Amino acid sequence: MRSILRDRRFSIVWTLLRIWLGWQWLEAGLHKFTDPKWVQTGEALKGFWAKAVGALPNTTSAIKYGWYEAFIRSLLNGGHYTWFAKLVVAGEILTGIALILGAATVFSLFISAFMNLNFMLAGSASTNPVLYTVAILLLVAGSSAYYYGIDRLVLNYWQRNKEKLGEPAAAHK
């Protein structure tokens, strides 16, 4: 299965999937970027966290892990939603751009999966399981996921110019 996923002939499929995933993140981040409740007050994230931990009237915690509920509750009670909401917006936008361009792809896929995992741990299903699965699939696809992207161009340039860039030449015997 791994050899099929990493087969260069499938690179166009992985590229299209990577761009689609990036677009999902970019679109979500831009939507939040235009909402003052995300970028100015953090009230949107406060509401999400309050609902997740069951702090709103007539709600129970959607979080199934005590350690994660305690973590989110401490962020909520500490007022950390004011700065954390901005971090969510920036993370979504930057992850989206990076995935669309195929730049820092492995790191961006890891961040993508990590963000989806956190949304799911907080009890939000929505599209998160699909986005999480796509990110993991693309991570397994390895370099085939960024064969058509900036990463490949940078790696090829680096390979061709190792000595010029300061990497010592291989020792001769």
C-alpha atoms as a PDB file:
ATOM      1  CA  MET A   1       0.000   0.000   0.000  1.00  0.00           C
ATOM      2  CA  ARG A   2       2.798   2.414   0.895  1.00  0.00           C
ATOM      3  CA  SER A   3       4.473   1.908  -2.497  1.00  0.00           C
ATOM      4  CA  ILE A   4       1.194   2.754  -4.232  1.00  0.00           C
ATOM      5  CA  LEU A   5       0.815   5.922  -2.150  1.00  0.00           C
ATOM      6  CA  ARG A   6       4.364   7.045  -2.897  1.00  0.00           C
ATOM      7  CA  ASP A   7       4.271   6.199  -6.595  1.00  0.00           C
ATOM      8  CA  ARG A   8       5.180   9.354  -8.568  1.00  0.00           C
ATOM      9  CA  ARG A   9       2.463   8.528 -11.107  1.00  0.00           C
ATOM     10  CA  PHE A  10      -0.069   9.430  -8.413  1.00  0.00           C
ATOM     11  CA  SER A  11       1.612  12.773  -7.662  1.00  0.00           C
ATOM     12  CA  ILE A  12      -1.013  14.721  -9.572  1.00  0.00           C
ATOM     13  CA  VAL A  13      -3.758  13.084  -7.468  1.00  0.00           C
ATOM     14  CA  TRP A  14      -1.927  13.929  -4.235  1.00  0.00           C
ATOM     15  CA  THR A  15      -1.283  17.453  -5.501  1.00  0.00           C
ATOM     16  CA  LEU A  16      -4.948  18.028  -6.241  1.00  0.00           C
ATOM     17  CA  LEU A  17      -5.875  16.598  -2.834  1.00  0.00           C
ATOM     18  CA  ARG A  18      -3.225  18.769  -1.153  1.00  0.00           C
ATOM     19  CA  ILE A  19      -4.510  21.892  -2.907  1.00  0.00           C
ATOM     20  CA  TRP A  20      -8.081  20.997  -1.943  1.00  0.00           C
ATOM     21  CA  LEU A  21      -7.027  20.564   1.696  1.00  0.00           C
ATOM     22  CA  GLY A  22      -5.137  23.854   1.583  1.00  0.00           C
ATOM     23  CA  TRP A  23      -8.178  25.602   0.155  1.00  0.00           C
ATOM     24  CA  GLN A  24     -10.329  24.265   3.015  1.00  0.00           C
ATOM     25  CA  TRP A  25      -7.922  25.763   5.551  1.00  0.00           C
ATOM     26  CA  LEU A  26      -7.489  29.038   3.682  1.00  0.00           C
ATOM     27  CA  GLU A  27     -11.229  29.505   3.283  1.00  0.00           C
ATOM     28  CA  ALA A  28     -11.865  28.738   6.980  1.00  0.00           C
ATOM     29  CA  GLY A  29      -9.124  31.117   8.068  1.00  0.00           C
ATOM     30  CA  LEU A  30     -10.236  33.955   5.785  1.00  0.00           C
ATOM     31  CA  HIS A  31     -13.792  33.585   7.051  1.00  0.00           C
ATOM     32  CA  LYS A  32     -12.532  33.984  10.627  1.00  0.00           C
ATOM     33  CA  PHE A  33     -10.178  36.813   9.617  1.00  0.00           C
ATOM     34  CA  THR A  34     -13.161  38.959   8.579  1.00  0.00           C
ATOM     35  CA  ASP A  35     -15.026  38.255  11.837  1.00  0.00           C
ATOM     36  CA  PRO A  36     -14.222  40.646  14.723  1.00  0.00           C
ATOM     37  CA  LYS A  37     -15.334  37.951  17.173  1.00  0.00           C
ATOM     38  CA  TRP A  38     -12.269  35.981  16.083  1.00  0.00           C
ATOM     39  CA  VAL A  39      -9.600  38.594  15.417  1.00  0.00           C
ATOM     40  CA  GLN A  40     -10.519  41.328  17.895  1.00  0.00           C
ATOM     41  CA  THR A  41     -12.243  39.890  20.949  1.00  0.00           C
ATOM     42  CA  GLY A  42     -11.845  36.136  20.635  1.00  0.00           C
ATOM     43  CA  GLU A  43     -15.515  35.779  21.633  1.00  0.00           C
ATOM     44  CA  ALA A  44     -16.115  33.173  18.918  1.00  0.00           C
ATOM     45  CA  LEU A  45     -13.440  30.881  20.347  1.00  0.00           C
ATOM     46  CA  LYS A  46     -14.661  31.610  23.873  1.00  0.00           C
ATOM     47  CA  GLY A  47     -18.113  30.385  22.838  1.00  0.00           C
ATOM     48  CA  PHE A  48     -16.675  27.280  21.158  1.00  0.00           C
ATOM     49  CA  TRP A  49     -14.625  26.408  24.237  1.00  0.00           C
ATOM     50  CA  ALA A  50     -17.521  27.153  26.628  1.00  0.00           C
ATOM     51  CA  LYS A  51     -19.813  24.850  24.671  1.00  0.00           C
ATOM     52  CA  ALA A  52     -17.096  22.171  24.439  1.00  0.00           C
ATOM     53  CA  VAL A  53     -16.582  22.052  28.218  1.00  0.00           C
ATOM     54  CA  GLY A  54     -20.302  22.374  29.002  1.00  0.00           C
ATOM     55  CA  ALA A  55     -20.004  25.836  30.585  1.00  0.00           C
ATOM     56  CA  LEU A  56     -23.057  27.210  28.772  1.00  0.00           C
ATOM     57  CA  PRO A  57     -26.577  26.792  30.175  1.00  0.00           C
ATOM     58  CA  ASN A  58     -28.196  23.459  29.306  1.00  0.00           C
ATOM     59  CA  THR A  59     -24.962  21.975  27.903  1.00  0.00           C
ATOM     60  CA  THR A  60     -22.760  19.107  28.949  1.00  0.00           C
ATOM     61  CA  SER A  61     -19.147  18.640  28.044  1.00  0.00           C
ATOM     62  CA  ALA A  62     -18.587  17.338  24.528  1.00  0.00           C
ATOM     63  CA  ILE A  63     -15.010  16.441  25.443  1.00  0.00           C
ATOM     64  CA  LYS A  64     -14.468  12.788  26.297  1.00  0.00           C
ATOM     65  CA  TYR A  65     -10.979  13.054  27.805  1.00  0.00           C
ATOM     66  CA  GLY A  66     -10.626  14.605  31.249  1.00  0.00           C
ATOM     67  CA  TRP A  67      -7.122  15.898  30.613  1.00  0.00           C
ATOM     68  CA  TYR A  68      -8.233  17.705  27.440  1.00  0.00           C
ATOM     69  CA  GLU A  69     -11.317  19.141  29.122  1.00  0.00           C
ATOM     70  CA  ALA A  70      -9.120  20.452  31.952  1.00  0.00           C
ATOM     71  CA  PHE A  71      -6.752  21.983  29.401  1.00  0.00           C
ATOM     72  CA  ILE A  72      -9.533  23.748  27.469  1.00  0.00           C
ATOM     73  CA  ARG A  73     -11.245  24.842  30.691  1.00  0.00           C
ATOM     74  CA  SER A  74      -7.981  26.375  31.933  1.00  0.00           C
ATOM     75  CA  LEU A  75      -7.577  28.274  28.652  1.00  0.00           C
ATOM     76  CA  LEU A  76     -11.197  29.435  28.860  1.00  0.00           C
ATOM     77  CA  ASN A  77     -11.027  30.492  32.515  1.00  0.00           C
ATOM     78  CA  GLY A  78      -7.698  32.234  31.951  1.00  0.00           C
ATOM     79  CA  GLY A  79      -9.132  34.375  29.133  1.00  0.00           C
ATOM     80  CA  HIS A  80      -6.623  32.930  26.670  1.00  0.00           C
ATOM     81  CA  TYR A  81      -9.212  32.928  23.886  1.00  0.00           C
ATOM     82  CA  THR A  82      -8.312  36.582  23.202  1.00  0.00           C
ATOM     83  CA  TRP A  83      -4.874  35.683  21.799  1.00  0.00           C
ATOM     84  CA  PHE A  84      -5.519  32.038  20.948  1.00  0.00           C
ATOM     85  CA  ALA A  85      -8.260  32.961  18.462  1.00  0.00           C
ATOM     86  CA  LYS A  86      -5.710  35.010  16.509  1.00  0.00           C
ATOM     87  CA  LEU A  87      -3.371  32.005  16.555  1.00  0.00           C
ATOM     88  CA  VAL A  88      -6.131  29.790  15.127  1.00  0.00           C
ATOM     89  CA  VAL A  89      -6.831  32.293  12.335  1.00  0.00           C
ATOM     90  CA  ALA A  90      -3.141  32.688  11.457  1.00  0.00           C
ATOM     91  CA  GLY A  91      -2.591  28.920  11.621  1.00  0.00           C
ATOM     92  CA  GLU A  92      -5.478  28.199   9.276  1.00  0.00           C
ATOM     93  CA  ILE A  93      -4.493  30.862   6.741  1.00  0.00           C
ATOM     94  CA  LEU A  94      -0.782  30.018   6.728  1.00  0.00           C
ATOM     95  CA  THR A  95      -1.432  26.280   6.583  1.00  0.00           C
ATOM     96  CA  GLY A  96      -3.804  26.815   3.677  1.00  0.00           C
ATOM     97  CA  ILE A  97      -1.341  28.930   1.713  1.00  0.00           C
ATOM     98  CA  ALA A  98       1.542  26.544   2.367  1.00  0.00           C
ATOM     99  CA  LEU A  99      -0.462  23.502   1.267  1.00  0.00           C
ATOM    100  CA  ILE A 100      -1.739  25.200  -1.873  1.00  0.00           C
ATOM    101  CA  LEU A 101       1.817  26.164  -2.840  1.00  0.00           C
ATOM    102  CA  GLY A 102       3.413  22.917  -1.695  1.00  0.00           C
ATOM    103  CA  ALA A 103       5.736  24.834   0.633  1.00  0.00           C
ATOM    104  CA  ALA A 104       6.866  23.283   3.934  1.00  0.00           C
ATOM    105  CA  THR A 105       4.390  20.574   2.998  1.00  0.00           C
ATOM    106  CA  VAL A 106       5.261  17.951   5.606  1.00  0.00           C
ATOM    107  CA  PHE A 107       5.198  20.518   8.424  1.00  0.00           C
ATOM    108  CA  SER A 108       1.954  22.029   7.088  1.00  0.00           C
ATOM    109  CA  LEU A 109       0.303  18.612   6.853  1.00  0.00           C
ATOM    110  CA  PHE A 110       1.349  17.885  10.428  1.00  0.00           C
ATOM    111  CA  ILE A 111      -0.134  21.221  11.569  1.00  0.00           C
ATOM    112  CA  SER A 112      -3.280  20.504   9.549  1.00  0.00           C
ATOM    113  CA  ALA A 113      -3.741  17.110  11.204  1.00  0.00           C
ATOM    114  CA  PHE A 114      -2.935  18.586  14.632  1.00  0.00           C
ATOM    115  CA  MET A 115      -5.546  21.350  14.256  1.00  0.00           C
ATOM    116  CA  ASN A 116      -8.179  18.844  13.110  1.00  0.00           C
ATOM    117  CA  LEU A 117      -7.310  16.535  15.986  1.00  0.00           C
ATOM    118  CA  ASN A 118      -7.815  19.376  18.462  1.00  0.00           C
ATOM    119  CA  PHE A 119     -11.177  20.306  16.962  1.00  0.00           C
ATOM    120  CA  MET A 120     -12.234  16.650  17.184  1.00  0.00           C
ATOM    121  CA  LEU A 121     -10.973  16.314  20.777  1.00  0.00           C
ATOM    122  CA  ALA A 122     -13.126  19.348  21.615  1.00  0.00           C
ATOM    123  CA  GLY A 123     -16.155  17.446  20.330  1.00  0.00           C
ATOM    124  CA  SER A 124     -16.539  19.035  16.904  1.00  0.00           C
ATOM    125  CA  ALA A 125     -17.009  16.519  14.122  1.00  0.00           C
ATOM    126  CA  SER A 126     -18.065  18.644  11.131  1.00  0.00           C
ATOM    127  CA  THR A 127     -15.560  18.069   8.294  1.00  0.00           C
ATOM    128  CA  ASN A 128     -12.653  17.488  10.674  1.00  0.00           C
ATOM    129  CA  PRO A 129     -12.481  13.672  10.369  1.00  0.00           C
ATOM    130  CA  VAL A 130     -12.260  13.928   6.567  1.00  0.00           C
ATOM    131  CA  LEU A 131      -9.665  16.715   6.653  1.00  0.00           C
ATOM    132  CA  TYR A 132      -7.650  14.818   9.269  1.00  0.00           C
ATOM    133  CA  THR A 133      -7.708  11.641   7.172  1.00  0.00           C
ATOM    134  CA  VAL A 134      -6.609  13.515   4.040  1.00  0.00           C
ATOM    135  CA  ALA A 135      -3.701  15.109   5.934  1.00  0.00           C
ATOM    136  CA  ILE A 136      -2.548  11.712   7.234  1.00  0.00           C
ATOM    137  CA  LEU A 137      -2.915  10.146   3.780  1.00  0.00           C
ATOM    138  CA  LEU A 138      -0.791  12.920   2.265  1.00  0.00           C
ATOM    139  CA  LEU A 139       1.823  12.522   4.999  1.00  0.00           C
ATOM    140  CA  VAL A 140       2.071   8.830   4.140  1.00  0.00           C
ATOM    141  CA  ALA A 141       2.347   9.726   0.437  1.00  0.00           C
ATOM    142  CA  GLY A 142       5.558  11.555   1.340  1.00  0.00           C
ATOM    143  CA  SER A 143       7.371  13.430  -1.393  1.00  0.00           C
ATOM    144  CA  SER A 144       4.688  12.469  -3.898  1.00  0.00           C
ATOM    145  CA  ALA A 145       2.417  14.927  -2.076  1.00  0.00           C
ATOM    146  CA  TYR A 146       4.737  17.830  -2.886  1.00  0.00           C
ATOM    147  CA  TYR A 147       6.238  16.619  -6.157  1.00  0.00           C
ATOM    148  CA  TYR A 148       4.374  19.482  -7.823  1.00  0.00           C
ATOM    149  CA  GLY A 149       5.145  22.315  -5.467  1.00  0.00           C
ATOM    150  CA  ILE A 150       7.699  24.715  -4.075  1.00  0.00           C
ATOM    151  CA  ASP A 151       9.279  22.069  -1.841  1.00  0.00           C
ATOM    152  CA  ARG A 152      10.438  20.037  -4.815  1.00  0.00           C
ATOM    153  CA  LEU A 153      11.932  23.121  -6.472  1.00  0.00           C
ATOM    154  CA  VAL A 154      13.779  24.068  -3.291  1.00  0.00           C
ATOM    155  CA  LEU A 155      15.050  20.521  -2.721  1.00  0.00           C
ATOM    156  CA  ASN A 156      16.232  20.214  -6.330  1.00  0.00           C
ATOM    157  CA  TYR A 157      18.024  23.563  -6.094  1.00  0.00           C
ATOM    158  CA  TRP A 158      19.639  22.533  -2.825  1.00  0.00           C
ATOM    159  CA  GLN A 159      20.768  19.178  -4.293  1.00  0.00           C
ATOM    160  CA  ARG A 160      22.339  20.874  -7.326  1.00  0.00           C
ATOM    161  CA  ASN A 161      24.068  23.555  -5.250  1.00  0.00           C
ATOM    162  CA  LYS A 162      25.192  21.744  -2.104  1.00  0.00           C
ATOM    163  CA  GLU A 163      28.805  22.871  -2.350  1.00  0.00           C
ATOM    164  CA  LYS A 164      27.899  26.456  -3.176  1.00  0.00           C
ATOM    165  CA  LEU A 165      25.566  26.553  -0.207  1.00  0.00           C
ATOM    166  CA  GLY A 166      28.332  25.532   2.184  1.00  0.00           C
ATOM    167  CA  GLU A 167      27.870  21.794   2.479  1.00  0.00           C
ATOM    168  CA  PRO A 168      31.264  20.077   2.246  1.00  0.00           C
ATOM    169  CA  ALA A 169      31.928  17.839  -0.721  1.00  0.00           C
ATOM    170  CA  ALA A 170      31.992  14.102  -0.104  1.00  0.00           C
ATOM    171  CA  ALA A 171      35.420  12.843   0.948  1.00  0.00           C
ATOM    172  CA  HIS A 172      37.394  11.195  -1.819  1.00  0.00           C
ATOM    173  CA  LYS A 173      39.198   7.912  -1.179  1.00  0.00           C
END
